[in-house]
Amino acid sequence: MTVGTHMSLSRRLATWARLKSPWITIFNSGACNACDIEIIATLTPRFDVERFGILAKGSPRHADILIVTGPVTRKQAPRLRRIYEQMPEPKYVIAMGACGGRGGVFQGLYHVMNAVDDVVPVDVYVAGCPPRPDEIINAVVETLRVAKEDLEHGGKEWRMKKQAAPPVPAEKKAEAGT
C-alpha cells in the first residue's frame, strides 16, 4: 500500500466517525435558559441521545457541532467567534430557538446583535421558544445530513456558492420558457 492509500483510509475513517458520533458543545450567550434546560433534558436517559452517538463536550476543540442558545449580545460576539474558530474543521453551527435565530424577544435592544449569522455562519436553525428535545435531536440529525452532503461535494463552499447565486430576472425566465 502507498502513503496515499493510508491517508485516504484514515480520512475515510475519521469522516465515518464524525458522521456516526457527533460531539456537540453548547454556547449560551445570555438568555432565559429555557433552551439550556431543554438541551439538558435531551441529554438525560429519557431521550438517550447517546444511542445516536451524540456526546456533549465542554471543549470546542473536540466538538463537531456548536449549538448556540440565546440572543448574541455585543459583549458575547467576540467570545462566540473565538469558540467557533477553536473548533476543528469540518464544523457546523445550530442556532437554537427564537433568540438564537433572530434575537427573539430581545431583538432590537441596543446590546443585542441581529442574529447568530452576523457572528458565525449557521447551518441549521431550530424553531421554537424553547424547542422540544425531539426537535433538538432532529436538528443534529439534519446537521449530519448537511455534513454528508458537504462531504459528497468536497466541502461547505458549494453551499455558499449556491446561496450567493444571483436571482434570474423574470424576463429571462419567460424567454427561457418560450
Protein backbone atom coordinates (compact mmCIF):
# COMPACT_ATOMS: atom_id res chain seq x y z
CA MET A 1 0.00 0.00 0.00
CA THR A 2 1.12 3.51 -0.73
CA VAL A 3 1.08 6.53 1.57
CA GLY A 4 -1.86 7.99 -0.37
CA THR A 5 -3.94 4.89 0.32
CA HIS A 6 -3.23 5.13 4.05
CA MET A 7 -4.20 8.80 4.08
CA SER A 8 -7.36 8.05 2.19
CA LEU A 9 -8.24 5.25 4.59
CA SER A 10 -7.54 7.37 7.67
CA ARG A 11 -9.54 10.26 6.24
CA ARG A 12 -12.46 7.95 5.47
CA LEU A 13 -12.30 6.52 8.98
CA ALA A 14 -12.31 9.99 10.56
CA THR A 15 -15.25 11.05 8.37
CA TRP A 16 -17.17 7.91 9.26
CA ALA A 17 -16.56 8.55 12.98
CA ARG A 18 -17.73 12.18 12.71
CA LEU A 19 -20.94 11.18 10.97
CA LYS A 20 -21.68 8.32 13.37
CA SER A 21 -20.76 10.06 16.61
CA PRO A 22 -21.15 13.85 16.53
CA TRP A 23 -19.74 15.70 19.51
CA ILE A 24 -21.53 18.90 20.45
CA THR A 25 -20.65 21.91 22.53
CA ILE A 26 -23.15 24.47 23.75
CA PHE A 27 -22.76 28.25 23.88
CA ASN A 28 -25.32 30.23 25.88
CA SER A 29 -24.96 33.89 25.12
CA GLY A 30 -27.28 35.06 27.87
CA ALA A 31 -30.93 34.20 27.54
CA CYS A 32 -33.66 32.93 29.84
CA ASN A 33 -32.06 29.44 29.99
CA ALA A 34 -35.19 27.68 28.71
CA CYS A 35 -33.24 26.34 25.70
CA ASP A 36 -30.48 25.16 28.00
CA ILE A 37 -32.99 23.27 30.15
CA GLU A 38 -34.29 21.56 27.00
CA ILE A 39 -30.75 20.62 25.97
CA ILE A 40 -30.18 19.10 29.41
CA ALA A 41 -33.46 17.19 29.01
CA THR A 42 -32.18 15.95 25.65
CA LEU A 43 -29.04 14.59 27.30
CA THR A 44 -30.96 12.69 30.01
CA PRO A 45 -31.81 8.98 29.77
CA ARG A 46 -35.41 9.72 28.73
CA PHE A 47 -34.30 10.82 25.25
CA ASP A 48 -30.98 8.93 25.33
CA VAL A 49 -29.10 10.78 22.60
CA GLU A 50 -26.05 8.61 23.23
CA ARG A 51 -27.80 5.86 21.24
CA PHE A 52 -27.19 8.13 18.23
CA GLY A 53 -23.59 8.68 19.30
CA ILE A 54 -24.22 12.32 20.29
CA LEU A 55 -21.87 13.38 23.08
CA ALA A 56 -21.76 16.75 24.81
CA LYS A 57 -18.22 18.06 25.23
CA GLY A 58 -17.11 21.03 27.28
CA SER A 59 -14.26 21.96 24.96
CA PRO A 60 -14.86 23.39 21.48
CA ARG A 61 -11.53 21.86 20.41
CA HIS A 62 -13.18 18.42 20.49
CA ALA A 63 -16.62 19.35 19.15
CA ASP A 64 -18.06 18.90 15.67
CA ILE A 65 -21.27 20.88 16.24
CA LEU A 66 -21.76 24.16 18.09
CA ILE A 67 -25.25 24.81 19.46
CA VAL A 68 -25.91 28.50 20.15
CA THR A 69 -28.72 29.41 22.53
CA GLY A 70 -29.91 32.87 23.40
CA PRO A 71 -29.50 36.20 21.64
CA VAL A 72 -25.93 37.09 20.78
CA THR A 73 -25.01 40.22 22.68
CA ARG A 74 -22.28 42.59 21.58
CA LYS A 75 -20.23 41.51 24.58
CA GLN A 76 -20.60 37.80 23.75
CA ALA A 77 -20.00 38.10 19.98
CA PRO A 78 -16.15 38.03 20.17
CA ARG A 79 -16.31 35.07 22.56
CA LEU A 80 -18.65 33.17 20.24
CA ARG A 81 -16.36 33.89 17.30
CA ARG A 82 -13.32 32.66 19.27
CA ILE A 83 -15.10 29.44 20.26
CA TYR A 84 -16.13 28.88 16.63
CA GLU A 85 -12.55 29.39 15.45
CA GLN A 86 -11.25 26.90 18.04
CA MET A 87 -13.39 24.11 16.59
CA PRO A 88 -11.70 21.73 14.15
CA GLU A 89 -12.88 21.52 10.54
CA PRO A 90 -15.44 20.49 9.45
CA LYS A 91 -17.54 22.45 11.94
CA TYR A 92 -21.25 23.10 11.98
CA VAL A 93 -23.48 25.52 13.89
CA ILE A 94 -27.05 25.11 15.11
CA ALA A 95 -28.93 28.27 16.13
CA MET A 96 -31.47 27.18 18.70
CA GLY A 97 -34.78 28.82 19.46
CA ALA A 98 -36.23 32.17 18.56
CA CYS A 99 -33.47 34.01 20.41
CA GLY A 100 -30.69 32.04 18.74
CA GLY A 101 -32.19 32.53 15.30
CA ARG A 102 -33.09 36.25 15.24
CA GLY A 103 -32.87 37.60 18.78
CA GLY A 104 -36.39 36.63 19.87
CA VAL A 105 -37.91 38.92 22.48
CA PHE A 106 -34.53 40.62 22.86
CA GLN A 107 -34.43 41.73 19.20
CA GLY A 108 -33.87 45.44 18.73
CA LEU A 109 -32.22 46.06 22.08
CA TYR A 110 -29.10 48.20 21.97
CA HIS A 111 -26.79 45.41 23.18
CA VAL A 112 -28.15 42.52 21.04
CA MET A 113 -26.84 41.57 17.60
CA ASN A 114 -29.48 40.92 14.94
CA ALA A 115 -28.71 37.20 14.55
CA VAL A 116 -26.14 34.50 15.15
CA ASP A 117 -25.44 34.71 11.40
CA ASP A 118 -23.86 38.11 11.99
CA VAL A 119 -21.11 36.44 14.04
CA VAL A 120 -20.72 32.86 12.75
CA PRO A 121 -22.25 31.02 9.78
CA VAL A 122 -25.29 28.95 10.81
CA ASP A 123 -26.01 25.63 9.13
CA VAL A 124 -29.29 24.61 10.82
CA TYR A 125 -31.97 26.61 12.64
CA VAL A 126 -34.29 25.14 15.28
CA ALA A 127 -37.57 27.00 15.74
CA GLY A 128 -39.45 27.29 19.00
CA CYS A 129 -39.32 29.02 22.33
CA PRO A 130 -37.92 26.77 23.63
CA PRO A 131 -37.58 23.90 21.13
CA ARG A 132 -38.54 20.47 22.42
CA PRO A 133 -35.83 17.81 22.91
CA ASP A 134 -37.02 15.82 19.88
CA GLU A 135 -36.60 18.96 17.73
CA ILE A 136 -33.04 19.35 19.03
CA ILE A 137 -32.30 15.73 18.11
CA ASN A 138 -33.82 16.33 14.64
CA ALA A 139 -31.57 19.40 14.24
CA VAL A 140 -28.46 17.34 15.00
CA VAL A 141 -29.61 14.66 12.53
CA GLU A 142 -30.24 17.39 9.92
CA THR A 143 -26.77 18.76 10.59
CA LEU A 144 -25.32 15.31 9.93
CA ARG A 145 -27.25 15.18 6.64
CA VAL A 146 -25.78 18.56 5.69
CA ALA A 147 -22.31 17.29 6.66
CA LYS A 148 -22.78 14.23 4.45
CA GLU A 149 -23.82 16.45 1.50
CA ASP A 150 -20.80 18.65 2.10
CA LEU A 151 -18.59 15.57 2.05
CA GLU A 152 -20.07 14.48 -1.30
CA HIS A 153 -19.49 17.97 -2.77
CA GLY A 154 -15.98 18.43 -1.38
CA GLY A 155 -16.71 20.88 1.46
CA LYS A 156 -19.01 23.66 2.62
CA GLU A 157 -18.08 26.00 -0.23
CA TRP A 158 -20.67 24.54 -2.61
CA ARG A 159 -23.50 25.69 -0.31
CA MET A 160 -22.05 29.19 -0.09
CA LYS A 161 -21.88 29.41 -3.89
CA LYS A 162 -25.43 28.10 -4.15
CA GLN A 163 -26.70 30.78 -1.74
CA ALA A 164 -24.74 33.56 -3.46
CA ALA A 165 -26.08 32.77 -6.95
CA PRO A 166 -27.86 35.87 -8.33
CA PRO A 167 -31.59 35.53 -8.97
CA VAL A 168 -32.73 35.17 -12.55
CA PRO A 169 -34.84 38.16 -13.70
CA ALA A 170 -38.49 37.40 -14.59
CA GLU A 171 -37.93 38.47 -18.23
CA LYS A 172 -35.19 35.87 -18.72
CA LYS A 173 -37.35 33.16 -17.13
CA ALA A 174 -40.13 33.98 -19.59
CA GLU A 175 -37.71 33.90 -22.54
CA ALA A 176 -36.28 30.56 -21.45
CA GLY A 177 -39.77 29.06 -21.19
CA THR A 178 -40.78 30.00 -24.76
